């Protein structure tokens, strides 16, 4: 529903701005340029979707190998002790932990399409434990906020878009996205824990969060201590090494568990192909709307307004051209994706703006969409502080993404 209103708003606002430019400023080119952009962006959306087919086919195949090989089960076993502390209202060893942990594990590995059904199943299980059926329970809110904060190991779709736009190394945003999503998730967890009075100083929680935080802080300190040129080189090499190691691990585990690796790959690859084809109308729709919005001059007005605001504050404003992606992300994943693609096409996939837009796209989930789908599925009407906590996580993720992008790419 959010995307519907956004799509309509793009066209109507663009029309009004263009009309003002024609009547008051005599700009006779604005409407022809807007019409031309509809054809250009429709072609771009179609070509981009076709180009995505190969990359998504490859990575969805690899992800299926990992799933079949038991990676999900390993992750589930590893995080189960933490979950029992974060969801104290759920009885120990309750069946609902199964789909919950698997949902987080699949999101962590970038398996969004496979994660959603498990998320809905988990929400249904949590609803059975919910004493007030029209009001979100503490467990449901914690589950939703951790979902929307979007901790991700492998940002498959973002790397795919960067590859189709000709990025020199599509995976160079891998480590920045991992860092940004960590801070987003941590912010969401702390916010919900304050509302629910969960003791984050518990030994088990501290062990998990402390270990991860130390690793993240150590990485940031290290990258801050070396020259900028080395940051990009090391990040690029490390990202590629880690990703290829993940592929090797997936294949090795599948082979060890006597899984037919080739058939598992083909099974997942088919899903990747179907996803690429299915997104054609959605990608064309949002890119056409964004193209009209930009050609009308509205995007420039918004961006320049923000640029002047941050300049007055004495800040470096190189990040401002990426903010449309950040502002769109909590409302619409498709809209933010379109903004990211448009940024890469306008400034280049390896530009600071192109890379930062990619990191912003991966830093959080689509908060309002996730809340609408998951709470709507179990008919929750009173969501309490879920939106507040989700937006705090989004905000922290955006700030972290910008700072980390300056560290790695500026």
Foldseek 3Di string as FASTA:
>chain_A
DLVVVVLVCLVVVLVVLLVCCCVPVVPPCLVVQLVVLLVVLLVVLQLLLVLLLVLLLQLLLLVLLLVLLCVLVVQLVVCLVVVCQLCVLDDPPDPLSVLLSSLVSCLQAQVPVVSVVSLLVSLVVVCVSDPDLQEDDLVNLLSQLLQFLRQYQDNRVQLSSLVSLPPPQSQLLRVLLNLLSLQLNVLLSVVSCVVVVRDCPPPVNCVVNVVVVVVSVVVLVVLLVDDQVVLSVVSRVVRVVVVVVSSVVSNVSSVVVVHPSVVSSNVSSVVSNVVSVVCSVLSSSLLSSVSSSVSSVVLVVVLVVVQVVVVVVVDDSPQSLLVVLLVCFLSDLSNSVSSLSVQCVVPNCLALSNSLSSSSSSRGHNNVVSCCVNCVSSNHDHHDCSVVSNVSSSVSSNVSSVVVSVSRRD
